[in-house]
């Protein structure tokens, strides 16, 4: 069974992302992180490939499925 996942609205995504950063890093480090990403012309596509090439595909799919079930997606 294939489940279609609808991405959240941009503002919702940005708010949740900032909440995660602040919760995990604190407000000051979260702001430093955002500034670094903007300043360094962060290449997300390159980072994503390097990061996910090391990831186990089955574990990734299982986590995505669990997320979808928990969030009614």
PDB file of N, CA and C in Angstrom:
ATOM      1  N   UNK A   1       0.839  -1.179   0.000  1.00  0.00           N
ATOM      2  CA  UNK A   1       0.000   0.000   0.000  1.00  0.00           C
ATOM      3  C   UNK A   1       0.883   1.242   0.000  1.00  0.00           C
ATOM      4  N   UNK A   2       0.636   2.130  -0.916  1.00  0.00           N
ATOM      5  CA  UNK A   2       1.392   3.375  -1.002  1.00  0.00           C
ATOM      6  C   UNK A   2       0.551   4.484  -0.385  1.00  0.00           C
ATOM      7  N   UNK A   3       1.150   5.191   0.562  1.00  0.00           N
ATOM      8  CA  UNK A   3       0.461   6.297   1.212  1.00  0.00           C
ATOM      9  C   UNK A   3       1.062   7.597   0.725  1.00  0.00           C
ATOM     10  N   UNK A   4       0.204   8.496   0.282  1.00  0.00           N
ATOM     11  CA  UNK A   4       0.682   9.800  -0.167  1.00  0.00           C
ATOM     12  C   UNK A   4       0.892  10.686   1.054  1.00  0.00           C
ATOM     13  N   UNK A   5       2.051  11.300   1.131  1.00  0.00           N
ATOM     14  CA  UNK A   5       2.367  12.194   2.235  1.00  0.00           C
ATOM     15  C   UNK A   5       2.313  13.622   1.722  1.00  0.00           C
ATOM     16  N   UNK A   6       1.458  14.416   2.327  1.00  0.00           N
ATOM     17  CA  UNK A   6       1.320  15.817   1.943  1.00  0.00           C
ATOM     18  C   UNK A   6       2.252  16.653   2.812  1.00  0.00           C
ATOM     19  N   UNK A   7       3.127  17.439   2.213  1.00  0.00           N
ATOM     20  CA  UNK A   7       4.038  18.254   3.017  1.00  0.00           C
ATOM     21  C   UNK A   7       3.281  19.337   3.777  1.00  0.00           C
ATOM     22  N   UNK A   8       3.794  19.704   4.957  1.00  0.00           N
ATOM     23  CA  UNK A   8       3.135  20.758   5.733  1.00  0.00           C
ATOM     24  C   UNK A   8       3.310  22.121   5.068  1.00  0.00           C
ATOM     25  N   UNK A   9       2.488  23.067   5.469  1.00  0.00           N
ATOM     26  CA  UNK A   9       2.625  24.437   4.977  1.00  0.00           C
ATOM     27  C   UNK A   9       3.997  24.969   5.377  1.00  0.00           C
ATOM     28  N   UNK A  10       4.550  25.849   4.571  1.00  0.00           N
ATOM     29  CA  UNK A  10       5.897  26.371   4.813  1.00  0.00           C
ATOM     30  C   UNK A  10       6.032  26.988   6.193  1.00  0.00           C
ATOM     31  N   UNK A  11       5.092  27.818   6.610  1.00  0.00           N
ATOM     32  CA  UNK A  11       5.206  28.479   7.910  1.00  0.00           C
ATOM     33  C   UNK A  11       5.154  27.466   9.046  1.00  0.00           C
ATOM     34  N   UNK A  12       4.319  26.437   8.899  1.00  0.00           N
ATOM     35  CA  UNK A  12       4.246  25.377   9.908  1.00  0.00           C
ATOM     36  C   UNK A  12       5.585  24.646   9.992  1.00  0.00           C
ATOM     37  N   UNK A  13       6.154  24.349   8.852  1.00  0.00           N
ATOM     38  CA  UNK A  13       7.433  23.654   8.798  1.00  0.00           C
ATOM     39  C   UNK A  13       8.542  24.489   9.436  1.00  0.00           C
ATOM     40  N   UNK A  14       8.583  25.771   9.106  1.00  0.00           N
ATOM     41  CA  UNK A  14       9.593  26.655   9.694  1.00  0.00           C
ATOM     42  C   UNK A  14       9.421  26.764  11.208  1.00  0.00           C
ATOM     43  N   UNK A  15       8.190  26.888  11.660  1.00  0.00           N
ATOM     44  CA  UNK A  15       7.940  26.974  13.101  1.00  0.00           C
ATOM     45  C   UNK A  15       8.379  25.708  13.825  1.00  0.00           C
ATOM     46  N   UNK A  16       8.016  24.560  13.277  1.00  0.00           N
ATOM     47  CA  UNK A  16       8.405  23.293  13.912  1.00  0.00           C
ATOM     48  C   UNK A  16       9.912  23.104  13.889  1.00  0.00           C
ATOM     49  N   UNK A  17      10.541  23.496  12.780  1.00  0.00           N
ATOM     50  CA  UNK A  17      11.994  23.391  12.690  1.00  0.00           C
ATOM     51  C   UNK A  17      12.690  24.246  13.730  1.00  0.00           C
ATOM     52  N   UNK A  18      12.217  25.479  13.888  1.00  0.00           N
ATOM     53  CA  UNK A  18      12.811  26.365  14.892  1.00  0.00           C
ATOM     54  C   UNK A  18      12.570  25.828  16.296  1.00  0.00           C
ATOM     55  N   UNK A  19      11.384  25.288  16.552  1.00  0.00           N
ATOM     56  CA  UNK A  19      11.098  24.699  17.860  1.00  0.00           C
ATOM     57  C   UNK A  19      12.067  23.556  18.157  1.00  0.00           C
ATOM     58  N   UNK A  20      12.333  22.721  17.155  1.00  0.00           N
ATOM     59  CA  UNK A  20      13.283  21.611  17.331  1.00  0.00           C
ATOM     60  C   UNK A  20      14.688  22.128  17.617  1.00  0.00           C
ATOM     61  N   UNK A  21      15.116  23.095  16.821  1.00  0.00           N
ATOM     62  CA  UNK A  21      16.452  23.656  17.022  1.00  0.00           C
ATOM     63  C   UNK A  21      16.590  24.264  18.409  1.00  0.00           C
ATOM     64  N   UNK A  22      15.611  25.046  18.816  1.00  0.00           N
ATOM     65  CA  UNK A  22      15.677  25.706  20.119  1.00  0.00           C
ATOM     66  C   UNK A  22      15.635  24.676  21.239  1.00  0.00           C
ATOM     67  N   UNK A  23      14.780  23.678  21.122  1.00  0.00           N
ATOM     68  CA  UNK A  23      14.673  22.639  22.151  1.00  0.00           C
ATOM     69  C   UNK A  23      15.987  21.866  22.294  1.00  0.00           C
ATOM     70  N   UNK A  24      16.606  21.529  21.179  1.00  0.00           N
ATOM     71  CA  UNK A  24      17.812  20.702  21.208  1.00  0.00           C
ATOM     72  C   UNK A  24      19.103  21.494  21.408  1.00  0.00           C
ATOM     73  N   UNK A  25      19.134  22.737  20.923  1.00  0.00           N
ATOM     74  CA  UNK A  25      20.377  23.506  20.930  1.00  0.00           C
ATOM     75  C   UNK A  25      20.328  24.728  21.837  1.00  0.00           C
ATOM     76  N   UNK A  26      19.137  25.175  22.170  1.00  0.00           N
ATOM     77  CA  UNK A  26      18.995  26.435  22.886  1.00  0.00           C
ATOM     78  C   UNK A  26      18.890  27.570  21.871  1.00  0.00           C
ATOM     79  N   UNK A  27      18.348  28.691  22.320  1.00  0.00           N
ATOM     80  CA  UNK A  27      18.065  29.796  21.404  1.00  0.00           C
ATOM     81  C   UNK A  27      19.324  30.368  20.761  1.00  0.00           C
ATOM     82  N   UNK A  28      20.394  30.501  21.538  1.00  0.00           N
ATOM     83  CA  UNK A  28      21.609  31.129  21.007  1.00  0.00           C
ATOM     84  C   UNK A  28      22.253  30.248  19.942  1.00  0.00           C
ATOM     85  N   UNK A  29      22.457  28.974  20.243  1.00  0.00           N
ATOM     86  CA  UNK A  29      23.073  28.080  19.255  1.00  0.00           C
ATOM     87  C   UNK A  29      22.166  27.881  18.039  1.00  0.00           C
ATOM     88  N   UNK A  30      20.855  27.890  18.240  1.00  0.00           N
ATOM     89  CA  UNK A  30      19.930  27.781  17.105  1.00  0.00           C
ATOM     90  C   UNK A  30      20.112  28.967  16.163  1.00  0.00           C
ATOM     91  N   UNK A  31      20.246  30.159  16.722  1.00  0.00           N
ATOM     92  CA  UNK A  31      20.470  31.353  15.897  1.00  0.00           C
ATOM     93  C   UNK A  31      21.819  31.280  15.188  1.00  0.00           C
ATOM     94  N   UNK A  32      22.854  30.802  15.885  1.00  0.00           N
ATOM     95  CA  UNK A  32      24.168  30.622  15.248  1.00  0.00           C
ATOM     96  C   UNK A  32      24.073  29.623  14.096  1.00  0.00           C
ATOM     97  N   UNK A  33      23.313  28.555  14.310  1.00  0.00           N
ATOM     98  CA  UNK A  33      23.140  27.539  13.272  1.00  0.00           C
ATOM     99  C   UNK A  33      22.492  28.139  12.028  1.00  0.00           C
ATOM    100  N   UNK A  34      21.404  28.877  12.217  1.00  0.00           N
ATOM    101  CA  UNK A  34      20.710  29.507  11.086  1.00  0.00           C
ATOM    102  C   UNK A  34      21.645  30.464  10.357  1.00  0.00           C
ATOM    103  N   UNK A  35      22.385  31.266  11.118  1.00  0.00           N
ATOM    104  CA  UNK A  35      23.320  32.219  10.503  1.00  0.00           C
ATOM    105  C   UNK A  35      24.394  31.481   9.704  1.00  0.00           C
ATOM    106  N   UNK A  36      24.905  30.369  10.243  1.00  0.00           N
ATOM    107  CA  UNK A  36      25.945  29.605   9.552  1.00  0.00           C
ATOM    108  C   UNK A  36      25.421  29.012   8.248  1.00  0.00           C
ATOM    109  N   UNK A  37      24.210  28.483   8.282  1.00  0.00           N
ATOM    110  CA  UNK A  37      23.615  27.902   7.072  1.00  0.00           C
ATOM    111  C   UNK A  37      23.477  28.973   5.996  1.00  0.00           C
ATOM    112  N   UNK A  38      23.036  30.155   6.376  1.00  0.00           N
ATOM    113  CA  UNK A  38      22.875  31.235   5.401  1.00  0.00           C
ATOM    114  C   UNK A  38      24.226  31.745   4.909  1.00  0.00           C
ATOM    115  N   UNK A  39      25.160  31.920   5.813  1.00  0.00           N
ATOM    116  CA  UNK A  39      26.464  32.497   5.485  1.00  0.00           C
ATOM    117  C   UNK A  39      27.302  31.562   4.616  1.00  0.00           C
ATOM    118  N   UNK A  40      27.265  30.284   4.901  1.00  0.00           N
ATOM    119  CA  UNK A  40      28.148  29.321   4.236  1.00  0.00           C
ATOM    120  C   UNK A  40      27.598  28.810   2.913  1.00  0.00           C
ATOM    121  N   UNK A  41      26.477  29.336   2.480  1.00  0.00           N
ATOM    122  CA  UNK A  41      25.842  28.843   1.251  1.00  0.00           C
ATOM    123  C   UNK A  41      25.751  27.314   1.290  1.00  0.00           C
ATOM    124  N   UNK A  42      25.187  26.849   2.365  1.00  0.00           N
ATOM    125  CA  UNK A  42      25.027  25.435   2.665  1.00  0.00           C
ATOM    126  C   UNK A  42      24.388  24.705   1.490  1.00  0.00           C
ATOM    127  N   UNK A  43      25.038  23.664   1.017  1.00  0.00           N
ATOM    128  CA  UNK A  43      24.523  22.863  -0.093  1.00  0.00           C
ATOM    129  C   UNK A  43      23.762  21.675   0.492  1.00  0.00           C
ATOM    130  N   UNK A  44      22.464  21.867   0.685  1.00  0.00           N
ATOM    131  CA  UNK A  44      21.651  20.830   1.305  1.00  0.00           C
ATOM    132  C   UNK A  44      21.662  19.542   0.495  1.00  0.00           C
ATOM    133  N   UNK A  45      21.610  19.645  -0.818  1.00  0.00           N
ATOM    134  CA  UNK A  45      21.580  18.451  -1.660  1.00  0.00           C
ATOM    135  C   UNK A  45      22.839  17.620  -1.459  1.00  0.00           C
ATOM    136  N   UNK A  46      23.997  18.273  -1.429  1.00  0.00           N
ATOM    137  CA  UNK A  46      25.257  17.555  -1.206  1.00  0.00           C
ATOM    138  C   UNK A  46      25.266  16.917   0.182  1.00  0.00           C
ATOM    139  N   UNK A  47      24.859  17.686   1.198  1.00  0.00           N
ATOM    140  CA  UNK A  47      24.830  17.161   2.561  1.00  0.00           C
ATOM    141  C   UNK A  47      23.880  15.975   2.652  1.00  0.00           C
ATOM    142  N   UNK A  48      22.700  16.112   2.039  1.00  0.00           N
ATOM    143  CA  UNK A  48      21.694  15.060   2.085  1.00  0.00           C
ATOM    144  C   UNK A  48      22.241  13.767   1.483  1.00  0.00           C
ATOM    145  N   UNK A  49      22.906  13.883   0.350  1.00  0.00           N
ATOM    146  CA  UNK A  49      23.466  12.685  -0.292  1.00  0.00           C
ATOM    147  C   UNK A  49      24.525  12.039   0.589  1.00  0.00           C
ATOM    148  N   UNK A  50      25.406  12.849   1.169  1.00  0.00           N
ATOM    149  CA  UNK A  50      26.445  12.303   2.044  1.00  0.00           C
ATOM    150  C   UNK A  50      25.828  11.670   3.286  1.00  0.00           C
ATOM    151  N   UNK A  51      24.820  12.320   3.855  1.00  0.00           N
ATOM    152  CA  UNK A  51      24.179  11.831   5.074  1.00  0.00           C
ATOM    153  C   UNK A  51      23.377  10.560   4.816  1.00  0.00           C
ATOM    154  N   UNK A  52      22.524  10.581   3.811  1.00  0.00           N
ATOM    155  CA  UNK A  52      21.635   9.453   3.577  1.00  0.00           C
ATOM    156  C   UNK A  52      22.316   8.291   2.870  1.00  0.00           C
ATOM    157  N   UNK A  53      23.453   8.519   2.220  1.00  0.00           N
ATOM    158  CA  UNK A  53      24.192   7.397   1.636  1.00  0.00           C
ATOM    159  C   UNK A  53      24.664   6.440   2.727  1.00  0.00           C
ATOM    160  N   UNK A  54      24.871   6.967   3.933  1.00  0.00           N
ATOM    161  CA  UNK A  54      25.330   6.149   5.059  1.00  0.00           C
ATOM    162  C   UNK A  54      24.168   5.493   5.799  1.00  0.00           C
ATOM    163  N   UNK A  55      22.956   5.945   5.536  1.00  0.00           N
ATOM    164  CA  UNK A  55      21.785   5.463   6.265  1.00  0.00           C
ATOM    165  C   UNK A  55      21.301   4.128   5.705  1.00  0.00           C
ATOM    166  N   UNK A  56      20.734   3.328   6.589  1.00  0.00           N
ATOM    167  CA  UNK A  56      20.143   2.056   6.203  1.00  0.00           C
ATOM    168  C   UNK A  56      18.751   2.319   5.621  1.00  0.00           C
ATOM    169  N   UNK A  57      18.517   1.899   4.394  1.00  0.00           N
ATOM    170  CA  UNK A  57      17.260   2.181   3.708  1.00  0.00           C
ATOM    171  C   UNK A  57      16.064   1.604   4.463  1.00  0.00           C
ATOM    172  N   UNK A  58      16.165   0.377   4.934  1.00  0.00           N
ATOM    173  CA  UNK A  58      15.042  -0.250   5.646  1.00  0.00           C
ATOM    174  C   UNK A  58      14.698   0.539   6.906  1.00  0.00           C
ATOM    175  N   UNK A  59      15.718   0.978   7.657  1.00  0.00           N
ATOM    176  CA  UNK A  59      15.479   1.761   8.872  1.00  0.00           C
ATOM    177  C   UNK A  59      14.819   3.091   8.526  1.00  0.00           C
ATOM    178  N   UNK A  60      15.260   3.710   7.431  1.00  0.00           N
ATOM    179  CA  UNK A  60      14.680   4.983   7.000  1.00  0.00           C
ATOM    180  C   UNK A  60      13.206   4.812   6.657  1.00  0.00           C
ATOM    181  N   UNK A  61      12.886   3.783   5.894  1.00  0.00           N
ATOM    182  CA  UNK A  61      11.498   3.526   5.499  1.00  0.00           C
ATOM    183  C   UNK A  61      10.645   3.228   6.730  1.00  0.00           C
ATOM    184  N   UNK A  62      11.180   2.450   7.663  1.00  0.00           N
ATOM    185  CA  UNK A  62      10.441   2.136   8.888  1.00  0.00           C
ATOM    186  C   UNK A  62      10.149   3.397   9.699  1.00  0.00           C
ATOM    187  N   UNK A  63      11.144   4.281   9.815  1.00  0.00           N
ATOM    188  CA  UNK A  63      10.941   5.537  10.549  1.00  0.00           C
ATOM    189  C   UNK A  63       9.914   6.418   9.852  1.00  0.00           C
ATOM    190  N   UNK A  64       9.981   6.489   8.531  1.00  0.00           N
ATOM    191  CA  UNK A  64       9.017   7.293   7.776  1.00  0.00           C
ATOM    192  C   UNK A  64       7.607   6.734   7.936  1.00  0.00           C
ATOM    193  N   UNK A  65       7.474   5.425   7.902  1.00  0.00           N
ATOM    194  CA  UNK A  65       6.161   4.796   8.072  1.00  0.00           C
ATOM    195  C   UNK A  65       5.612   5.040   9.469  1.00  0.00           C
ATOM    196  N   UNK A  66       6.471   4.912  10.478  1.00  0.00           N
ATOM    197  CA  UNK A  66       6.052   5.172  11.858  1.00  0.00           C
ATOM    198  C   UNK A  66       5.606   6.616  12.027  1.00  0.00           C
ATOM    199  N   UNK A  67       6.366   7.535  11.443  1.00  0.00           N
ATOM    200  CA  UNK A  67       6.007   8.951  11.516  1.00  0.00           C
ATOM    201  C   UNK A  67       4.641   9.191  10.891  1.00  0.00           C
ATOM    202  N   UNK A  68       4.423   8.600   9.721  1.00  0.00           N
ATOM    203  CA  UNK A  68       3.153   8.788   9.022  1.00  0.00           C
ATOM    204  C   UNK A  68       1.989   8.239   9.848  1.00  0.00           C
ATOM    205  N   UNK A  69       2.175   7.074  10.445  1.00  0.00           N
ATOM    206  CA  UNK A  69       1.114   6.476  11.258  1.00  0.00           C
ATOM    207  C   UNK A  69       0.820   7.322  12.493  1.00  0.00           C
ATOM    208  N   UNK A  70       1.875   7.784  13.169  1.00  0.00           N
ATOM    209  CA  UNK A  70       1.715   8.570  14.392  1.00  0.00           C
ATOM    210  C   UNK A  70       1.079   9.927  14.124  1.00  0.00           C
ATOM    211  N   UNK A  71       1.268  10.449  12.934  1.00  0.00           N
ATOM    212  CA  UNK A  71       0.779  11.783  12.615  1.00  0.00           C
ATOM    213  C   UNK A  71      -0.424  11.769  11.679  1.00  0.00           C
ATOM    214  N   UNK A  72      -1.030  10.607  11.519  1.00  0.00           N
ATOM    215  CA  UNK A  72      -2.235  10.501  10.706  1.00  0.00           C
ATOM    216  C   UNK A  72      -2.029  10.867   9.254  1.00  0.00           C
ATOM    217  N   UNK A  73      -0.868  10.553   8.729  1.00  0.00           N
ATOM    218  CA  UNK A  73      -0.552  10.898   7.335  1.00  0.00           C
ATOM    219  C   UNK A  73      -0.691   9.673   6.464  1.00  0.00           C
TER     220      UNK A  73
END
